N, C-alpha and C. Protein backbone atom coordinates (compact mmCIF):
# COMPACT_ATOMS: atom_id res chain seq x y z
N MET A 1 -36.58 6.93 -21.87
CA MET A 1 -35.93 8.22 -21.75
C MET A 1 -36.20 8.74 -20.34
N ALA A 2 -35.21 9.36 -19.75
CA ALA A 2 -35.35 9.81 -18.37
C ALA A 2 -35.56 11.31 -18.27
N ALA A 3 -35.07 12.13 -19.21
CA ALA A 3 -35.16 13.58 -19.08
C ALA A 3 -35.74 14.22 -20.32
N ILE A 4 -36.36 15.37 -20.10
CA ILE A 4 -36.95 16.14 -21.19
C ILE A 4 -36.76 17.62 -20.87
N TRP A 5 -36.60 18.45 -21.90
CA TRP A 5 -36.42 19.90 -21.70
C TRP A 5 -37.70 20.63 -22.06
N ARG A 6 -38.01 21.66 -21.26
CA ARG A 6 -39.19 22.50 -21.48
C ARG A 6 -38.84 23.49 -22.59
N LYS A 7 -39.50 23.38 -23.74
CA LYS A 7 -39.20 24.20 -24.92
C LYS A 7 -40.14 25.40 -24.98
N PRO A 8 -39.58 26.58 -25.25
CA PRO A 8 -40.45 27.73 -25.48
C PRO A 8 -41.26 27.52 -26.76
N GLU A 9 -42.44 28.12 -26.83
CA GLU A 9 -43.33 27.94 -27.99
C GLU A 9 -42.69 28.37 -29.30
N ASP A 10 -41.86 29.41 -29.23
CA ASP A 10 -41.29 29.96 -30.47
C ASP A 10 -39.96 29.32 -30.87
N ALA A 11 -39.43 28.38 -30.10
CA ALA A 11 -38.14 27.77 -30.42
C ALA A 11 -38.29 26.78 -31.55
N GLU A 12 -37.48 26.98 -32.60
CA GLU A 12 -37.51 26.08 -33.76
C GLU A 12 -36.26 25.23 -33.86
N THR A 13 -35.18 25.66 -33.16
CA THR A 13 -33.92 24.92 -33.20
C THR A 13 -33.47 24.59 -31.78
N CYS A 14 -32.57 23.64 -31.68
CA CYS A 14 -32.05 23.21 -30.38
C CYS A 14 -31.18 24.32 -29.79
N TYR A 15 -31.37 24.62 -28.52
CA TYR A 15 -30.58 25.67 -27.87
C TYR A 15 -29.13 25.24 -27.71
N ARG A 16 -28.88 23.96 -27.71
CA ARG A 16 -27.56 23.43 -27.44
C ARG A 16 -26.65 23.43 -28.67
N CYS A 17 -27.19 22.96 -29.78
CA CYS A 17 -26.34 22.81 -30.97
C CYS A 17 -26.94 23.47 -32.21
N SER A 18 -28.08 24.11 -32.05
CA SER A 18 -28.79 24.78 -33.15
C SER A 18 -29.25 23.80 -34.23
N GLY A 19 -29.38 22.52 -33.87
CA GLY A 19 -29.89 21.52 -34.82
C GLY A 19 -31.39 21.67 -34.97
N THR A 20 -31.95 21.05 -36.00
CA THR A 20 -33.39 21.15 -36.25
C THR A 20 -34.15 20.21 -35.32
N LEU A 21 -35.33 20.66 -34.90
CA LEU A 21 -36.20 19.88 -34.02
C LEU A 21 -37.26 19.20 -34.85
N THR A 22 -37.42 17.87 -34.66
CA THR A 22 -38.43 17.11 -35.39
C THR A 22 -39.37 16.44 -34.39
N LYS A 23 -40.62 16.25 -34.78
CA LYS A 23 -41.62 15.60 -33.92
C LYS A 23 -41.35 14.10 -33.87
N GLU A 24 -41.38 13.56 -32.64
CA GLU A 24 -41.19 12.13 -32.43
C GLU A 24 -42.09 11.66 -31.30
N THR A 25 -42.30 10.39 -31.21
CA THR A 25 -43.01 9.79 -30.08
C THR A 25 -41.99 9.01 -29.26
N THR A 26 -41.99 9.23 -27.94
CA THR A 26 -41.03 8.55 -27.08
C THR A 26 -41.68 8.19 -25.76
N GLU A 27 -40.99 7.41 -24.97
CA GLU A 27 -41.47 7.05 -23.64
C GLU A 27 -40.63 7.78 -22.61
N LEU A 28 -41.28 8.45 -21.68
CA LEU A 28 -40.60 9.24 -20.65
C LEU A 28 -40.81 8.56 -19.30
N ALA A 29 -39.75 8.42 -18.54
CA ALA A 29 -39.81 7.75 -17.23
C ALA A 29 -40.52 8.64 -16.22
N SER A 30 -41.42 8.03 -15.42
CA SER A 30 -42.06 8.74 -14.32
C SER A 30 -41.49 8.19 -13.01
N PHE A 31 -41.21 9.11 -12.08
CA PHE A 31 -40.57 8.75 -10.82
C PHE A 31 -41.54 8.93 -9.66
N LYS A 32 -41.42 8.07 -8.67
CA LYS A 32 -42.15 8.22 -7.42
C LYS A 32 -41.24 7.71 -6.31
N TYR A 33 -41.01 8.55 -5.32
CA TYR A 33 -40.12 8.24 -4.20
C TYR A 33 -38.71 7.87 -4.70
N GLY A 34 -38.27 8.54 -5.77
CA GLY A 34 -36.92 8.33 -6.28
C GLY A 34 -36.74 7.08 -7.12
N LYS A 35 -37.80 6.32 -7.36
CA LYS A 35 -37.71 5.10 -8.17
C LYS A 35 -38.57 5.26 -9.42
N ILE A 36 -38.13 4.68 -10.52
CA ILE A 36 -38.92 4.72 -11.75
C ILE A 36 -40.17 3.88 -11.54
N GLN A 37 -41.34 4.51 -11.76
CA GLN A 37 -42.61 3.81 -11.58
C GLN A 37 -43.13 3.23 -12.90
N SER A 38 -43.07 4.05 -13.95
CA SER A 38 -43.60 3.61 -15.24
C SER A 38 -43.03 4.51 -16.33
N TYR A 39 -43.43 4.23 -17.55
CA TYR A 39 -43.03 5.06 -18.69
C TYR A 39 -44.30 5.59 -19.35
N VAL A 40 -44.27 6.87 -19.70
CA VAL A 40 -45.41 7.54 -20.32
C VAL A 40 -45.06 7.79 -21.78
N GLN A 41 -45.93 7.34 -22.69
CA GLN A 41 -45.69 7.58 -24.11
C GLN A 41 -46.21 8.96 -24.45
N THR A 42 -45.37 9.76 -25.12
CA THR A 42 -45.74 11.14 -25.41
C THR A 42 -45.09 11.62 -26.70
N SER A 43 -45.65 12.70 -27.24
CA SER A 43 -45.13 13.33 -28.44
C SER A 43 -44.16 14.44 -28.02
N VAL A 44 -42.96 14.42 -28.57
CA VAL A 44 -41.93 15.39 -28.21
C VAL A 44 -41.23 15.89 -29.46
N CYS A 45 -40.38 16.90 -29.26
CA CYS A 45 -39.51 17.38 -30.32
C CYS A 45 -38.10 16.91 -29.98
N ALA A 46 -37.41 16.33 -30.94
CA ALA A 46 -36.06 15.83 -30.71
C ALA A 46 -35.10 16.51 -31.68
N CYS A 47 -33.91 16.80 -31.18
CA CYS A 47 -32.87 17.41 -32.00
C CYS A 47 -32.26 16.32 -32.86
N SER A 48 -32.16 16.58 -34.16
CA SER A 48 -31.60 15.57 -35.07
C SER A 48 -30.09 15.44 -34.91
N THR A 49 -29.44 16.46 -34.32
CA THR A 49 -27.99 16.43 -34.17
C THR A 49 -27.56 15.85 -32.82
N CYS A 50 -28.00 16.47 -31.70
CA CYS A 50 -27.51 16.03 -30.38
C CYS A 50 -28.48 15.12 -29.63
N LYS A 51 -29.65 14.88 -30.21
CA LYS A 51 -30.65 13.95 -29.67
C LYS A 51 -31.30 14.42 -28.36
N TYR A 52 -31.18 15.72 -28.03
CA TYR A 52 -31.90 16.25 -26.87
C TYR A 52 -33.39 16.21 -27.18
N VAL A 53 -34.20 15.93 -26.17
CA VAL A 53 -35.64 15.83 -26.34
C VAL A 53 -36.31 16.97 -25.58
N CYS A 54 -37.25 17.63 -26.21
CA CYS A 54 -37.94 18.74 -25.56
C CYS A 54 -39.42 18.69 -25.87
N ALA A 55 -40.18 19.41 -25.05
CA ALA A 55 -41.64 19.48 -25.24
C ALA A 55 -42.11 20.86 -24.81
N ASN A 56 -43.19 21.33 -25.45
CA ASN A 56 -43.72 22.63 -25.04
C ASN A 56 -44.63 22.44 -23.83
N GLU A 57 -45.11 23.55 -23.30
CA GLU A 57 -45.89 23.52 -22.05
C GLU A 57 -47.15 22.66 -22.18
N GLY A 58 -47.80 22.68 -23.37
CA GLY A 58 -49.01 21.87 -23.58
C GLY A 58 -48.72 20.38 -23.47
N ASN A 59 -47.62 19.92 -24.08
CA ASN A 59 -47.23 18.51 -24.01
C ASN A 59 -46.86 18.11 -22.58
N ILE A 60 -46.20 19.02 -21.86
CA ILE A 60 -45.78 18.70 -20.49
C ILE A 60 -46.99 18.53 -19.58
N SER A 61 -48.02 19.36 -19.75
CA SER A 61 -49.23 19.19 -18.92
C SER A 61 -49.93 17.87 -19.24
N GLN A 62 -49.91 17.44 -20.53
CA GLN A 62 -50.49 16.14 -20.89
C GLN A 62 -49.70 14.99 -20.25
N ILE A 63 -48.38 15.14 -20.25
CA ILE A 63 -47.52 14.11 -19.65
C ILE A 63 -47.87 13.95 -18.17
N LYS A 64 -48.01 15.06 -17.46
CA LYS A 64 -48.30 15.02 -16.02
C LYS A 64 -49.67 14.43 -15.74
N LYS A 65 -50.64 14.61 -16.63
CA LYS A 65 -51.97 14.03 -16.46
C LYS A 65 -51.96 12.51 -16.63
N GLN A 66 -51.03 12.00 -17.43
CA GLN A 66 -50.99 10.55 -17.69
C GLN A 66 -50.49 9.76 -16.48
N ALA A 67 -49.71 10.40 -15.62
CA ALA A 67 -49.19 9.71 -14.43
C ALA A 67 -49.30 10.65 -13.23
N PRO A 68 -50.52 10.81 -12.70
CA PRO A 68 -50.69 11.74 -11.57
C PRO A 68 -49.94 11.25 -10.33
N GLY A 69 -49.37 12.19 -9.58
CA GLY A 69 -48.63 11.86 -8.37
C GLY A 69 -47.19 11.47 -8.62
N CYS A 70 -46.79 11.40 -9.87
CA CYS A 70 -45.40 11.05 -10.20
C CYS A 70 -44.62 12.30 -10.59
N GLN A 71 -43.32 12.20 -10.53
CA GLN A 71 -42.43 13.28 -10.95
C GLN A 71 -41.80 12.90 -12.27
N PHE A 72 -41.44 13.93 -13.03
CA PHE A 72 -40.74 13.73 -14.28
C PHE A 72 -39.48 14.57 -14.26
N GLN A 73 -38.48 14.14 -14.99
CA GLN A 73 -37.24 14.90 -15.12
C GLN A 73 -37.47 15.93 -16.23
N ILE A 74 -37.95 17.13 -15.84
CA ILE A 74 -38.22 18.19 -16.80
C ILE A 74 -37.27 19.35 -16.48
N ASN A 75 -36.41 19.67 -17.42
CA ASN A 75 -35.41 20.72 -17.24
C ASN A 75 -35.82 21.96 -18.01
N ASP A 76 -35.43 23.13 -17.50
CA ASP A 76 -35.72 24.37 -18.20
C ASP A 76 -34.82 24.53 -19.41
N TRP A 77 -35.36 25.11 -20.47
CA TRP A 77 -34.65 25.31 -21.74
C TRP A 77 -33.41 26.15 -21.52
N GLY A 78 -32.25 25.63 -21.88
CA GLY A 78 -31.01 26.37 -21.77
C GLY A 78 -30.35 26.31 -20.41
N ALA A 79 -30.95 25.60 -19.45
CA ALA A 79 -30.39 25.52 -18.09
C ALA A 79 -29.66 24.20 -17.90
N VAL A 80 -28.73 24.20 -16.96
CA VAL A 80 -28.05 22.95 -16.60
C VAL A 80 -29.07 22.08 -15.86
N PRO A 81 -29.26 20.84 -16.29
CA PRO A 81 -30.32 20.02 -15.69
C PRO A 81 -30.03 19.58 -14.26
N LYS A 82 -31.11 19.51 -13.49
CA LYS A 82 -31.07 18.85 -12.17
C LYS A 82 -31.51 17.42 -12.45
N ILE A 83 -30.67 16.48 -12.10
CA ILE A 83 -30.94 15.10 -12.48
C ILE A 83 -31.58 14.35 -11.32
N ILE A 84 -32.71 13.72 -11.60
CA ILE A 84 -33.32 12.80 -10.64
C ILE A 84 -32.71 11.45 -10.95
N SER A 85 -31.92 10.96 -10.03
CA SER A 85 -31.33 9.65 -10.27
C SER A 85 -32.14 8.62 -9.51
N PRO A 86 -32.42 7.51 -10.15
CA PRO A 86 -33.17 6.47 -9.45
C PRO A 86 -32.42 5.98 -8.22
N VAL A 87 -33.16 5.70 -7.17
CA VAL A 87 -32.57 5.20 -5.94
C VAL A 87 -32.17 3.75 -6.16
N THR A 88 -30.94 3.45 -5.85
CA THR A 88 -30.48 2.07 -6.00
C THR A 88 -30.60 1.37 -4.65
N GLU A 89 -30.89 0.12 -4.71
CA GLU A 89 -30.98 -0.68 -3.49
C GLU A 89 -29.59 -0.82 -2.89
N PRO A 90 -29.47 -0.77 -1.56
CA PRO A 90 -28.14 -0.95 -0.97
C PRO A 90 -27.60 -2.35 -1.27
N LYS A 91 -26.30 -2.41 -1.46
CA LYS A 91 -25.67 -3.70 -1.77
C LYS A 91 -25.71 -4.59 -0.54
N LYS A 92 -25.97 -5.84 -0.78
CA LYS A 92 -25.91 -6.81 0.30
C LYS A 92 -24.48 -7.30 0.38
N HIS A 93 -23.92 -7.21 1.56
CA HIS A 93 -22.53 -7.59 1.74
C HIS A 93 -22.41 -9.09 1.90
N ASP A 94 -21.32 -9.60 1.41
CA ASP A 94 -21.06 -11.03 1.49
C ASP A 94 -20.34 -11.39 2.78
N PHE A 95 -20.18 -10.42 3.68
CA PHE A 95 -19.46 -10.67 4.92
C PHE A 95 -20.25 -11.64 5.79
N GLN A 96 -19.60 -12.69 6.24
CA GLN A 96 -20.22 -13.67 7.11
C GLN A 96 -19.76 -13.41 8.54
N TRP A 97 -20.68 -12.99 9.39
CA TRP A 97 -20.33 -12.74 10.79
C TRP A 97 -19.94 -14.05 11.46
N PRO A 98 -18.92 -14.02 12.32
CA PRO A 98 -18.53 -15.25 13.02
C PRO A 98 -19.60 -15.67 14.01
N SER A 99 -19.63 -16.92 14.31
CA SER A 99 -20.61 -17.47 15.24
C SER A 99 -20.23 -17.12 16.67
N THR A 100 -21.22 -16.99 17.52
CA THR A 100 -20.97 -16.74 18.94
C THR A 100 -21.03 -18.04 19.74
N TYR A 101 -21.26 -19.14 19.03
CA TYR A 101 -21.35 -20.43 19.69
C TYR A 101 -19.96 -20.92 20.05
N THR A 102 -19.80 -21.46 21.24
CA THR A 102 -18.54 -22.05 21.66
C THR A 102 -18.82 -23.22 22.59
N LEU A 103 -17.89 -24.12 22.67
CA LEU A 103 -18.04 -25.27 23.56
C LEU A 103 -17.74 -24.86 25.00
N GLU A 104 -18.47 -25.43 25.92
CA GLU A 104 -18.24 -25.12 27.33
C GLU A 104 -16.98 -25.85 27.80
N THR A 105 -16.17 -25.14 28.59
CA THR A 105 -14.95 -25.76 29.12
C THR A 105 -15.11 -26.01 30.61
N LEU A 106 -14.45 -27.04 31.09
CA LEU A 106 -14.50 -27.34 32.52
C LEU A 106 -13.47 -26.54 33.29
N LYS A 107 -12.34 -26.25 32.65
CA LYS A 107 -11.28 -25.48 33.29
C LYS A 107 -11.06 -24.20 32.47
N PRO A 108 -11.32 -23.05 33.04
CA PRO A 108 -11.07 -21.82 32.29
C PRO A 108 -9.58 -21.57 32.16
N GLY A 109 -9.19 -20.81 31.18
CA GLY A 109 -7.79 -20.49 30.97
C GLY A 109 -7.32 -21.00 29.64
N ASN A 110 -6.12 -20.63 29.28
CA ASN A 110 -5.55 -20.99 28.01
C ASN A 110 -4.57 -22.15 28.20
N LYS A 111 -4.79 -23.24 27.50
CA LYS A 111 -3.93 -24.42 27.64
C LYS A 111 -2.51 -24.14 27.16
N SER A 112 -2.35 -23.19 26.22
CA SER A 112 -1.01 -22.92 25.71
C SER A 112 -0.13 -22.23 26.75
N ASP A 113 -0.73 -21.67 27.80
CA ASP A 113 0.04 -21.03 28.87
C ASP A 113 0.57 -22.05 29.86
N GLY A 114 0.31 -23.31 29.64
CA GLY A 114 0.81 -24.36 30.52
C GLY A 114 0.13 -24.34 31.88
N ASP A 115 -1.10 -23.96 31.94
CA ASP A 115 -1.89 -23.92 33.19
C ASP A 115 -1.23 -23.07 34.27
N ARG A 116 -0.49 -22.05 33.90
CA ARG A 116 0.18 -21.23 34.91
C ARG A 116 -0.80 -20.36 35.67
N PHE A 117 -1.99 -20.11 35.08
CA PHE A 117 -2.98 -19.31 35.80
C PHE A 117 -3.71 -20.12 36.86
N GLY A 118 -3.69 -21.41 36.71
CA GLY A 118 -4.34 -22.26 37.71
C GLY A 118 -3.50 -22.41 38.97
N LEU A 119 -2.20 -22.10 38.89
CA LEU A 119 -1.30 -22.27 40.04
C LEU A 119 -1.40 -21.08 40.97
N GLU A 120 -1.11 -21.35 42.24
CA GLU A 120 -1.11 -20.31 43.25
C GLU A 120 0.24 -19.58 43.19
N SER A 121 0.22 -18.26 43.31
CA SER A 121 1.47 -17.50 43.28
C SER A 121 2.21 -17.69 44.61
N PRO A 122 3.53 -17.41 44.61
CA PRO A 122 4.29 -17.54 45.86
C PRO A 122 3.76 -16.61 46.95
N LEU A 123 3.33 -15.42 46.60
CA LEU A 123 2.77 -14.49 47.61
C LEU A 123 1.47 -15.03 48.18
N HIS A 124 0.66 -15.61 47.32
CA HIS A 124 -0.62 -16.16 47.76
C HIS A 124 -0.40 -17.33 48.72
N LYS A 125 0.61 -18.13 48.44
CA LYS A 125 0.92 -19.26 49.32
C LYS A 125 1.33 -18.79 50.72
N LEU A 126 1.93 -17.61 50.80
CA LEU A 126 2.34 -17.06 52.10
C LEU A 126 1.19 -16.34 52.82
N GLY A 127 0.00 -16.29 52.16
CA GLY A 127 -1.17 -15.70 52.80
C GLY A 127 -1.53 -14.30 52.33
N TYR A 128 -0.78 -13.77 51.36
CA TYR A 128 -1.05 -12.43 50.85
C TYR A 128 -2.23 -12.51 49.87
N LYS A 129 -3.38 -11.87 50.25
CA LYS A 129 -4.58 -11.83 49.41
C LYS A 129 -5.13 -10.42 49.42
N ILE A 130 -5.64 -9.99 48.31
CA ILE A 130 -6.26 -8.66 48.24
C ILE A 130 -7.67 -8.73 48.82
N THR A 131 -8.37 -9.78 48.50
CA THR A 131 -9.73 -9.92 49.04
C THR A 131 -9.68 -10.48 50.46
N ASP A 132 -10.62 -10.09 51.25
CA ASP A 132 -10.76 -10.56 52.64
C ASP A 132 -9.56 -10.23 53.53
N SER A 133 -8.82 -9.19 53.21
CA SER A 133 -7.74 -8.75 54.10
C SER A 133 -7.59 -7.23 53.96
N ASN A 134 -7.18 -6.60 55.07
CA ASN A 134 -7.03 -5.14 55.03
C ASN A 134 -5.58 -4.79 54.70
N ARG A 135 -5.33 -3.50 54.57
CA ARG A 135 -4.02 -3.02 54.17
C ARG A 135 -2.93 -3.37 55.21
N THR A 136 -3.28 -3.27 56.47
CA THR A 136 -2.32 -3.56 57.54
C THR A 136 -1.88 -5.03 57.51
N LYS A 137 -2.86 -5.91 57.30
CA LYS A 137 -2.56 -7.36 57.26
C LYS A 137 -1.66 -7.68 56.07
N ARG A 138 -1.95 -7.10 54.90
CA ARG A 138 -1.13 -7.34 53.70
C ARG A 138 0.29 -6.82 53.90
N TRP A 139 0.42 -5.64 54.53
CA TRP A 139 1.75 -5.06 54.75
C TRP A 139 2.57 -5.92 55.71
N THR A 140 1.90 -6.45 56.72
CA THR A 140 2.58 -7.32 57.68
C THR A 140 3.09 -8.59 57.00
N ILE A 141 2.29 -9.19 56.11
CA ILE A 141 2.70 -10.39 55.39
C ILE A 141 3.89 -10.08 54.49
N LEU A 142 3.86 -8.91 53.82
CA LEU A 142 4.99 -8.54 52.96
C LEU A 142 6.28 -8.36 53.78
N GLU A 143 6.18 -7.64 54.90
CA GLU A 143 7.37 -7.36 55.72
C GLU A 143 7.93 -8.60 56.42
N ASN A 144 7.04 -9.37 57.03
CA ASN A 144 7.48 -10.48 57.89
C ASN A 144 7.61 -11.82 57.17
N GLU A 145 6.87 -12.04 56.11
CA GLU A 145 6.89 -13.35 55.44
C GLU A 145 7.55 -13.28 54.05
N ALA A 146 7.04 -12.41 53.19
CA ALA A 146 7.45 -12.42 51.78
C ALA A 146 8.88 -11.93 51.58
N LEU A 147 9.24 -10.78 52.15
CA LEU A 147 10.59 -10.26 51.92
C LEU A 147 11.69 -11.17 52.46
N PRO A 148 11.57 -11.70 53.66
CA PRO A 148 12.63 -12.59 54.15
C PRO A 148 12.72 -13.90 53.35
N LYS A 149 11.60 -14.47 52.94
CA LYS A 149 11.62 -15.77 52.27
C LYS A 149 11.84 -15.67 50.75
N LEU A 150 11.20 -14.66 50.08
CA LEU A 150 11.26 -14.56 48.63
C LEU A 150 12.27 -13.53 48.12
N GLY A 151 12.56 -12.56 48.93
CA GLY A 151 13.43 -11.49 48.50
C GLY A 151 12.62 -10.37 47.83
N LEU A 152 13.24 -9.25 47.66
CA LEU A 152 12.55 -8.06 47.12
C LEU A 152 12.09 -8.26 45.69
N ARG A 153 12.93 -8.88 44.86
CA ARG A 153 12.60 -9.04 43.46
C ARG A 153 11.36 -9.92 43.24
N LYS A 154 11.24 -11.06 43.88
CA LYS A 154 10.10 -11.98 43.68
C LYS A 154 8.85 -11.51 44.39
N SER A 155 8.97 -10.71 45.43
CA SER A 155 7.77 -10.28 46.15
C SER A 155 7.21 -8.98 45.58
N SER A 156 7.87 -8.36 44.62
CA SER A 156 7.33 -7.11 44.05
C SER A 156 6.55 -7.38 42.80
């Protein structure tokens, strides 16, 4: 059993359904850090109709002495219960991460592109390079070499 209600000393019937309360022995779960630690055997009053379990203040103090340092789900008589739910372990996912291993290639690039990245562009063949040249040199190559030989469309 996970929860128990704190019964007033003078209560003879269940607050919920007015059923008769009878003495029973049951096991009550004790919690520590949100997980069930053990079960404590104790004498309680149980409703014969709705099966709610309750105990008076004397029984509750005995329950707490049996498992010191643990918490119990003890609700006030007639109140909506605050439920201590056991902490569940996180699910382990079945997702398999892809490997980072790959074979080393001698020629970088994509073979499906037909090695077009390995070829020199028409502008590069005429001497137009971004690295190791200044803006004036690149402009001169475009004006004097690329436009007359390649035309505006291919040199842009």
